[in-house]
Amino acid sequence: MKKSNFAAMILGTIGGFFFAIGMCMCLLPAWGAFGPGVAMGIIGAVLLLATLITWRRSSGKSIGIPLYSTAGVILFGVGMSIAVAGSNIVLGIIIGIIGIVMLLSLVPILKGIH
């Protein structure tokens, strides 16, 4: 693994974590942390944008796969938030499972099935 790919992987993981936690903080009124949640979400979005730029410059590939993985993480986070908030647990679980399936499908998309 090249250093640039490793850096993009680390940036993407940290950015996705910050973005997901920020979304949870914003979407769960019981936490009472809307302002800090927005700040964490912005930090996560900036790190994810830096990941896209780093990965694109290092590999010269399109940004489809990182956007697909980001969408999977966002769906997983939204599903988690809906399920934890208790507003509609079944809908939250379904949305979370869709996000998990998207993330699990990254391996066959990137490496193929041999």
Protein backbone atom coordinates (compact mmCIF):
# COMPACT_ATOMS: atom_id res chain seq x y z
CA MET A 1 0.00 0.00 0.00
CA LYS A 2 1.35 3.38 -0.95
CA LYS A 3 1.72 6.11 1.63
CA SER A 4 -0.83 8.31 -0.13
CA ASN A 5 -3.44 5.52 -0.10
CA PHE A 6 -2.77 4.92 3.58
CA ALA A 7 -3.10 8.64 4.32
CA ALA A 8 -6.38 8.78 2.39
CA MET A 9 -7.66 5.76 4.32
CA ILE A 10 -6.80 7.32 7.68
CA LEU A 11 -8.27 10.72 6.70
CA GLY A 12 -11.44 9.05 5.44
CA THR A 13 -11.90 7.02 8.61
CA ILE A 14 -11.39 9.99 10.91
CA GLY A 15 -13.54 12.25 8.71
CA GLY A 16 -16.35 9.69 8.58
CA PHE A 17 -16.21 9.27 12.36
CA PHE A 18 -16.40 13.02 13.02
CA PHE A 19 -19.19 13.44 10.47
CA ALA A 20 -21.24 10.56 11.90
CA ILE A 21 -20.84 11.69 15.51
CA GLY A 22 -21.71 15.25 14.47
CA MET A 23 -24.88 13.99 12.78
CA CYS A 24 -25.83 12.04 15.89
CA MET A 25 -25.28 15.10 18.04
CA CYS A 26 -27.49 17.19 15.75
CA LEU A 27 -30.27 14.65 15.26
CA LEU A 28 -30.67 13.52 18.87
CA PRO A 29 -32.43 16.27 20.82
CA ALA A 30 -31.92 14.33 24.06
CA TRP A 31 -28.21 15.03 23.82
CA GLY A 32 -28.76 18.80 23.66
CA ALA A 33 -25.61 19.27 21.59
CA PHE A 34 -26.82 20.76 18.31
CA GLY A 35 -24.14 23.51 18.11
CA PRO A 36 -21.16 21.25 18.84
CA GLY A 37 -22.69 18.64 16.52
CA VAL A 38 -22.70 21.12 13.64
CA ALA A 39 -19.05 21.95 14.36
CA MET A 40 -18.06 18.26 14.43
CA GLY A 41 -20.03 17.60 11.25
CA ILE A 42 -18.23 20.45 9.47
CA ILE A 43 -14.85 19.14 10.66
CA GLY A 44 -15.78 15.68 9.37
CA ALA A 45 -16.95 17.07 6.02
CA VAL A 46 -13.70 19.02 5.60
CA LEU A 47 -11.64 15.92 6.41
CA LEU A 48 -13.69 13.87 3.93
CA LEU A 49 -13.13 16.54 1.27
CA ALA A 50 -9.39 16.44 2.02
CA THR A 51 -9.58 12.66 1.62
CA LEU A 52 -11.17 12.99 -1.80
CA ILE A 53 -8.54 15.46 -2.94
CA THR A 54 -5.66 13.36 -1.56
CA TRP A 55 -6.96 10.13 -3.04
CA ARG A 56 -7.76 11.65 -6.41
CA ARG A 57 -4.34 13.31 -6.78
CA SER A 58 -2.45 10.22 -5.70
CA SER A 59 -4.27 7.70 -7.85
CA GLY A 60 -5.68 9.77 -10.69
CA LYS A 61 -8.94 7.82 -10.43
CA SER A 62 -12.47 9.13 -10.33
CA ILE A 63 -14.10 10.03 -7.05
CA GLY A 64 -17.01 7.60 -7.45
CA ILE A 65 -15.83 5.02 -4.90
CA PRO A 66 -15.11 7.55 -2.13
CA LEU A 67 -18.48 9.20 -2.71
CA TYR A 68 -20.18 5.79 -2.63
CA SER A 69 -18.47 4.90 0.65
CA THR A 70 -19.35 8.30 2.12
CA ALA A 71 -23.00 7.75 1.18
CA GLY A 72 -22.87 4.35 2.92
CA VAL A 73 -21.45 5.90 6.09
CA ILE A 74 -24.05 8.67 6.02
CA LEU A 75 -26.91 6.18 5.59
CA PHE A 76 -25.53 4.07 8.42
CA GLY A 77 -25.28 7.14 10.69
CA VAL A 78 -28.77 8.38 9.83
CA GLY A 79 -30.21 4.92 10.48
CA MET A 80 -28.38 4.74 13.79
CA SER A 81 -29.68 8.16 14.81
CA ILE A 82 -33.27 7.36 13.87
CA ALA A 83 -33.16 4.04 15.72
CA VAL A 84 -31.54 5.49 18.85
CA ALA A 85 -33.88 8.47 19.00
CA GLY A 86 -36.76 6.00 19.09
CA SER A 87 -38.91 7.94 16.66
CA ASN A 88 -39.13 4.98 14.27
CA ILE A 89 -36.87 2.10 15.21
CA VAL A 90 -37.83 -0.13 12.27
CA LEU A 91 -37.11 2.61 9.71
CA GLY A 92 -33.78 3.35 11.42
CA ILE A 93 -32.76 -0.30 11.32
CA ILE A 94 -33.70 -0.59 7.64
CA ILE A 95 -31.73 2.55 6.70
CA GLY A 96 -28.77 1.37 8.81
CA ILE A 97 -28.79 -2.04 7.11
CA ILE A 98 -28.78 -0.35 3.69
CA GLY A 99 -25.70 1.63 4.78
CA ILE A 100 -24.00 -1.53 6.06
CA VAL A 101 -24.70 -3.38 2.81
CA MET A 102 -23.26 -0.46 0.83
CA LEU A 103 -20.09 -0.53 2.93
CA LEU A 104 -19.77 -4.33 2.68
CA SER A 105 -20.16 -4.16 -1.10
CA LEU A 106 -17.02 -2.01 -1.33
CA VAL A 107 -14.75 -5.05 -1.12
CA PRO A 108 -16.16 -6.80 -4.22
CA ILE A 109 -16.38 -3.47 -6.04
CA LEU A 110 -12.72 -2.63 -5.40
CA LYS A 111 -11.10 -6.07 -5.47
CA GLY A 112 -13.56 -8.08 -7.51
CA ILE A 113 -14.69 -11.62 -6.82
CA HIS A 114 -12.05 -14.23 -7.71
